[in-house]
C-alpha atoms as a PDB file:
ATOM      1  CA  MET A   1      24.312  16.611  -8.069  1.00  0.00           C
ATOM      2  CA  SER A   2      24.856  13.802  -5.583  1.00  0.00           C
ATOM      3  CA  GLU A   3      24.033  10.207  -6.479  1.00  0.00           C
ATOM      4  CA  GLN A   4      21.468  10.162  -3.672  1.00  0.00           C
ATOM      5  CA  LYS A   5      19.671  13.229  -5.120  1.00  0.00           C
ATOM      6  CA  LYS A   6      19.734  11.710  -8.634  1.00  0.00           C
ATOM      7  CA  GLU A   7      18.082   8.524  -7.358  1.00  0.00           C
ATOM      8  CA  ILE A   8      15.284  10.373  -5.589  1.00  0.00           C
ATOM      9  CA  ASN A   9      14.710  12.577  -8.660  1.00  0.00           C
ATOM     10  CA  ILE A  10      14.307   9.445 -10.806  1.00  0.00           C
ATOM     11  CA  ILE A  11      11.752   8.073  -8.321  1.00  0.00           C
ATOM     12  CA  ILE A  12       9.849  11.390  -8.385  1.00  0.00           C
ATOM     13  CA  GLU A  13       9.838  11.405 -12.200  1.00  0.00           C
ATOM     14  CA  GLU A  14       8.468   7.840 -12.358  1.00  0.00           C
ATOM     15  CA  ALA A  15       5.760   8.826  -9.859  1.00  0.00           C
ATOM     16  CA  ARG A  16       4.891  11.814 -12.070  1.00  0.00           C
ATOM     17  CA  LYS A  17       4.518   9.502 -15.080  1.00  0.00           C
ATOM     18  CA  ILE A  18       2.109   7.261 -13.153  1.00  0.00           C
ATOM     19  CA  VAL A  19      -0.045  10.226 -12.104  1.00  0.00           C
ATOM     20  CA  GLU A  20      -0.036  11.702 -15.613  1.00  0.00           C
ATOM     21  CA  ASN A  21      -0.832   8.269 -17.130  1.00  0.00           C
ATOM     22  CA  ARG A  22       2.230   8.515 -19.351  1.00  0.00           C
ATOM     23  CA  ASP A  23       4.038   5.499 -20.675  1.00  0.00           C
ATOM     24  CA  THR A  24       5.067   3.898 -17.401  1.00  0.00           C
ATOM     25  CA  LYS A  25       4.038   1.059 -15.138  1.00  0.00           C
ATOM     26  CA  VAL A  26       3.703   0.931 -11.377  1.00  0.00           C
ATOM     27  CA  SER A  27       6.170  -1.954 -11.436  1.00  0.00           C
ATOM     28  CA  LYS A  28       8.854   0.307 -12.926  1.00  0.00           C
ATOM     29  CA  LEU A  29       8.664   2.631  -9.916  1.00  0.00           C
ATOM     30  CA  ASN A  30       8.505  -0.358  -7.569  1.00  0.00           C
ATOM     31  CA  ASP A  31      11.741  -1.715  -9.085  1.00  0.00           C
ATOM     32  CA  LEU A  32      13.544   1.537  -8.175  1.00  0.00           C
ATOM     33  CA  LEU A  33      12.688   1.352  -4.482  1.00  0.00           C
ATOM     34  CA  SER A  34      15.057  -0.012  -1.888  1.00  0.00           C
ATOM     35  CA  ARG A  35      15.878   0.498   1.762  1.00  0.00           C
ATOM     36  CA  LYS A  36      19.351   1.726   0.769  1.00  0.00           C
ATOM     37  CA  THR A  37      17.934   4.395  -1.573  1.00  0.00           C
ATOM     38  CA  LEU A  38      15.303   5.745   0.828  1.00  0.00           C
ATOM     39  CA  LEU A  39      16.978   5.293   4.219  1.00  0.00           C
ATOM     40  CA  PRO A  40      18.815   8.665   3.976  1.00  0.00           C
ATOM     41  CA  TYR A  41      15.375  10.363   3.960  1.00  0.00           C
ATOM     42  CA  ALA A  42      13.824   8.246   6.731  1.00  0.00           C
ATOM     43  CA  GLN A  43      13.029   9.555  10.183  1.00  0.00           C
ATOM     44  CA  TRP A  44      11.240   7.843  13.051  1.00  0.00           C
ATOM     45  CA  ASN A  45       9.453   9.989  15.618  1.00  0.00           C
ATOM     46  CA  LYS A  46       9.585   8.213  18.978  1.00  0.00           C
ATOM     47  CA  ASP A  47       6.133   9.561  19.910  1.00  0.00           C
ATOM     48  CA  LYS A  48       4.298   8.316  16.794  1.00  0.00           C
ATOM     49  CA  GLU A  49       3.425   4.942  15.299  1.00  0.00           C
ATOM     50  CA  TYR A  50       4.665   6.196  11.931  1.00  0.00           C
ATOM     51  CA  THR A  51       6.334   9.336  10.656  1.00  0.00           C
ATOM     52  CA  ARG A  52       5.168  11.053   7.444  1.00  0.00           C
ATOM     53  CA  VAL A  53       8.115  12.336   5.383  1.00  0.00           C
ATOM     54  CA  CYS A  54       7.096  14.310   2.290  1.00  0.00           C
ATOM     55  CA  LEU A  55       9.611  13.590  -0.465  1.00  0.00           C
ATOM     56  CA  TYR A  56       7.755  15.654  -3.070  1.00  0.00           C
ATOM     57  CA  GLU A  57       4.558  17.679  -3.371  1.00  0.00           C
ATOM     58  CA  ASN A  58       2.974  19.766  -6.104  1.00  0.00           C
ATOM     59  CA  LEU A  59      -0.648  20.409  -7.124  1.00  0.00           C
ATOM     60  CA  GLU A  60      -0.832  17.122  -9.061  1.00  0.00           C
ATOM     61  CA  PHE A  61       0.600  14.623  -6.573  1.00  0.00           C
ATOM     62  CA  GLU A  62       2.470  13.968  -3.381  1.00  0.00           C
ATOM     63  CA  LEU A  63       5.032  11.290  -2.633  1.00  0.00           C
ATOM     64  CA  ILE A  64       5.303  10.395   1.052  1.00  0.00           C
ATOM     65  CA  LEU A  65       7.723   8.057   2.775  1.00  0.00           C
ATOM     66  CA  LEU A  66       6.095   6.518   5.832  1.00  0.00           C
ATOM     67  CA  CYS A  67       8.544   5.355   8.490  1.00  0.00           C
ATOM     68  CA  TRP A  68       6.906   2.731  10.681  1.00  0.00           C
ATOM     69  CA  LYS A  69       7.650   1.514  14.169  1.00  0.00           C
ATOM     70  CA  PRO A  70       7.555  -2.267  14.665  1.00  0.00           C
ATOM     71  CA  LEU A  71       4.006  -3.652  14.306  1.00  0.00           C
ATOM     72  CA  ALA A  72       2.564  -0.112  13.961  1.00  0.00           C
ATOM     73  CA  LYS A  73      -0.912   0.337  12.506  1.00  0.00           C
ATOM     74  CA  THR A  74      -2.797   3.256  10.981  1.00  0.00           C
ATOM     75  CA  PRO A  75      -6.264   4.196  12.106  1.00  0.00           C
ATOM     76  CA  ILE A  76      -9.097   3.295   9.720  1.00  0.00           C
ATOM     77  CA  HIS A  77      -9.183   6.072   7.116  1.00  0.00           C
ATOM     78  CA  ASN A  78     -10.095   7.015   3.565  1.00  0.00           C
ATOM     79  CA  HIS A  79      -8.234   9.132   1.022  1.00  0.00           C
ATOM     80  CA  ASN A  80     -10.833  11.818   0.395  1.00  0.00           C
ATOM     81  CA  LYS A  81     -11.627  10.323  -3.042  1.00  0.00           C
ATOM     82  CA  GLN A  82      -8.014  10.492  -4.261  1.00  0.00           C
ATOM     83  CA  ASN A  83      -6.110   7.696  -5.983  1.00  0.00           C
ATOM     84  CA  CYS A  84      -3.432   6.105  -3.865  1.00  0.00           C
ATOM     85  CA  CYS A  85      -0.661   3.644  -4.592  1.00  0.00           C
ATOM     86  CA  VAL A  86       1.374   2.164  -1.725  1.00  0.00           C
ATOM     87  CA  PHE A  87       4.713   0.442  -2.300  1.00  0.00           C
ATOM     88  CA  PHE A  88       5.706  -2.017   0.436  1.00  0.00           C
ATOM     89  CA  PHE A  89       9.360  -2.317  -0.588  1.00  0.00           C
ATOM     90  CA  ASP A  90      10.804  -2.816   2.893  1.00  0.00           C
ATOM     91  CA  ALA A  91       8.624  -5.364   4.742  1.00  0.00           C
ATOM     92  CA  PRO A  92       5.338  -7.277   4.691  1.00  0.00           C
ATOM     93  CA  PHE A  93       2.164  -5.381   5.625  1.00  0.00           C
ATOM     94  CA  ARG A  94      -1.481  -6.133   6.269  1.00  0.00           C
ATOM     95  CA  GLU A  95      -4.160  -4.042   4.588  1.00  0.00           C
ATOM     96  CA  THR A  96      -7.704  -4.276   5.888  1.00  0.00           C
ATOM     97  CA  THR A  97     -10.375  -2.759   3.646  1.00  0.00           C
ATOM     98  CA  TYR A  98     -13.632  -1.490   5.154  1.00  0.00           C
ATOM     99  CA  CYS A  99     -16.963  -0.216   3.859  1.00  0.00           C
ATOM    100  CA  ASN A 100     -17.237   3.517   3.131  1.00  0.00           C
ATOM    101  CA  GLU A 101     -18.355   4.178   6.703  1.00  0.00           C
ATOM    102  CA  GLY A 102     -15.242   2.404   8.007  1.00  0.00           C
ATOM    103  CA  GLN A 103     -17.057   0.115  10.418  1.00  0.00           C
ATOM    104  CA  LYS A 104     -17.452  -3.180   8.561  1.00  0.00           C
ATOM    105  CA  SER A 105     -14.294  -5.069   7.571  1.00  0.00           C
ATOM    106  CA  LEU A 106     -14.599  -6.320   3.996  1.00  0.00           C
ATOM    107  CA  LYS A 107     -11.217  -7.860   3.211  1.00  0.00           C
ATOM    108  CA  VAL A 108      -7.864  -8.574   4.854  1.00  0.00           C
ATOM    109  CA  ASN A 109      -4.880  -8.742   2.528  1.00  0.00           C
ATOM    110  CA  ASP A 110      -1.366  -9.672   3.663  1.00  0.00           C
ATOM    111  CA  ILE A 111       1.042  -8.007   1.255  1.00  0.00           C
ATOM    112  CA  GLN A 112       4.547  -9.385   0.987  1.00  0.00           C
ATOM    113  CA  LYS A 113       7.709  -7.281   0.832  1.00  0.00           C
ATOM    114  CA  GLY A 114       7.870  -5.846  -2.683  1.00  0.00           C
ATOM    115  CA  GLY A 115       4.083  -5.761  -3.047  1.00  0.00           C
ATOM    116  CA  VAL A 116       1.914  -2.839  -4.133  1.00  0.00           C
ATOM    117  CA  SER A 117      -1.585  -1.814  -3.096  1.00  0.00           C
ATOM    118  CA  SER A 118      -3.836   0.772  -4.702  1.00  0.00           C
ATOM    119  CA  MET A 119      -7.132   2.484  -4.055  1.00  0.00           C
ATOM    120  CA  GLU A 120      -8.918   4.194  -6.899  1.00  0.00           C
ATOM    121  CA  LYS A 121     -11.139   7.277  -6.560  1.00  0.00           C
ATOM    122  CA  VAL A 122     -13.649   5.499  -4.349  1.00  0.00           C
ATOM    123  CA  ASN A 123     -14.087   6.515  -0.773  1.00  0.00           C
ATOM    124  CA  ALA A 124     -13.496   3.089   0.728  1.00  0.00           C
ATOM    125  CA  CYS A 125     -11.654   3.009   4.013  1.00  0.00           C
ATOM    126  CA  HIS A 126      -8.626   0.943   4.949  1.00  0.00           C
ATOM    127  CA  SER A 127      -5.950   0.525   7.564  1.00  0.00           C
ATOM    128  CA  LEU A 128      -2.359  -0.609   7.153  1.00  0.00           C
ATOM    129  CA  GLN A 129      -0.173  -2.475   9.599  1.00  0.00           C
ATOM    130  CA  ASN A 130       3.543  -3.165   9.594  1.00  0.00           C
ATOM    131  CA  LEU A 131       3.848  -6.922  10.167  1.00  0.00           C
ATOM    132  CA  SER A 132       7.558  -6.669  10.942  1.00  0.00           C
ATOM    133  CA  ASP A 133       9.150  -6.349  14.365  1.00  0.00           C
ATOM    134  CA  LYS A 134      11.573  -3.806  12.863  1.00  0.00           C
ATOM    135  CA  HIS A 135      11.493  -0.130  11.909  1.00  0.00           C
ATOM    136  CA  VAL A 136      10.512  -0.132   8.224  1.00  0.00           C
ATOM    137  CA  MET A 137       9.339   2.168   5.422  1.00  0.00           C
ATOM    138  CA  SER A 138       6.660   2.292   2.734  1.00  0.00           C
ATOM    139  CA  LEU A 139       6.191   4.778  -0.115  1.00  0.00           C
ATOM    140  CA  HIS A 140       2.780   6.387  -0.748  1.00  0.00           C
ATOM    141  CA  LEU A 141       1.828   8.116  -4.002  1.00  0.00           C
ATOM    142  CA  TYR A 142      -1.366  10.201  -3.936  1.00  0.00           C
ATOM    143  CA  ASN A 143      -3.017  12.001  -6.838  1.00  0.00           C
ATOM    144  CA  ARG A 144      -3.273  15.545  -5.560  1.00  0.00           C
ATOM    145  CA  PRO A 145      -2.053  16.154  -2.036  1.00  0.00           C
ATOM    146  CA  ILE A 146      -4.490  14.987   0.623  1.00  0.00           C
ATOM    147  CA  LYS A 147      -4.818  17.613   3.322  1.00  0.00           C
ATOM    148  CA  LYS A 148      -7.911  16.099   4.993  1.00  0.00           C
ATOM    149  CA  CYS A 149      -9.367  12.644   5.269  1.00  0.00           C
ATOM    150  CA  GLU A 150     -11.992  10.833   7.293  1.00  0.00           C
ATOM    151  CA  ILE A 151     -10.711   8.678  10.114  1.00  0.00           C
ATOM    152  CA  ILE A 152     -11.810   6.303  12.893  1.00  0.00           C
ATOM    153  CA  GLN A 153      -9.486   5.491  15.765  1.00  0.00           C
ATOM    154  CA  ASP A 154      -9.440   1.794  16.805  1.00  0.00           C
ATOM    155  CA  SER A 155     -10.794   2.769  20.203  1.00  0.00           C
ATOM    156  CA  ASP A 156     -13.712   4.529  18.499  1.00  0.00           C
ATOM    157  CA  LEU A 157     -15.143   1.777  16.233  1.00  0.00           C
ATOM    158  CA  GLU A 158     -18.736   2.422  17.254  1.00  0.00           C
ATOM    159  CA  SER A 159     -18.630   6.020  16.069  1.00  0.00           C
ATOM    160  CA  SER A 160     -18.678   7.421  12.589  1.00  0.00           C
ATOM    161  CA  LEU A 161     -15.865   8.803  10.503  1.00  0.00           C
ATOM    162  CA  ASN A 162     -14.529  12.182  11.571  1.00  0.00           C
ATOM    163  CA  TRP A 163     -12.530  14.629   9.505  1.00  0.00           C
ATOM    164  CA  ALA A 164      -8.844  14.939  10.330  1.00  0.00           C
ATOM    165  CA  ASP A 165      -6.263  17.388   9.038  1.00  0.00           C
ATOM    166  CA  LEU A 166      -3.153  15.708   7.640  1.00  0.00           C
ATOM    167  CA  LYS A 167       0.277  17.167   8.155  1.00  0.00           C
ATOM    168  CA  TYR A 168       3.776  16.081   7.271  1.00  0.00           C
ATOM    169  CA  ASP A 169       6.134  15.373  10.126  1.00  0.00           C
ATOM    170  CA  VAL A 170       9.019  16.258   7.799  1.00  0.00           C
ATOM    171  CA  LYS A 171       8.977  17.980   4.408  1.00  0.00           C
ATOM    172  CA  LEU A 172      12.055  17.924   2.208  1.00  0.00           C
ATOM    173  CA  ALA A 173      12.926  21.213   0.570  1.00  0.00           C
END
């Protein structure tokens, strides 16, 4: 097995421990993450703000590498009542949290490189923005794969949340 494959398998196993609430800490997984380790899996789609690369998926969790264009931002969205942990190992990001309807901004949090954000099984909405002028990555761990979520596009702030189907841009075998 290649060194690269061993490293990603260790990351997947630490993610599994977090989801299963076994003897592990989020910081242990965070310590394993680096641009060098994850860059071989990264892909940037020129037509999208960010590219969703599925590193691992089973019925219990999914581990997704998001590859961001400079200053890219997600729409306002929720996680369909799933836990989420985001590892910002590659650059600083801004997370804006909104009320459950996604229309009222509640909190803006600038997260430094190496920081972690999490949302528990509430249906609060948030958006993320790459604060870097470079192509960067973040790692997203979700309890149970999220195939649908509610979303508001920035241009649509006066409307309510609408359901959107989520798809991977790339899925590793």
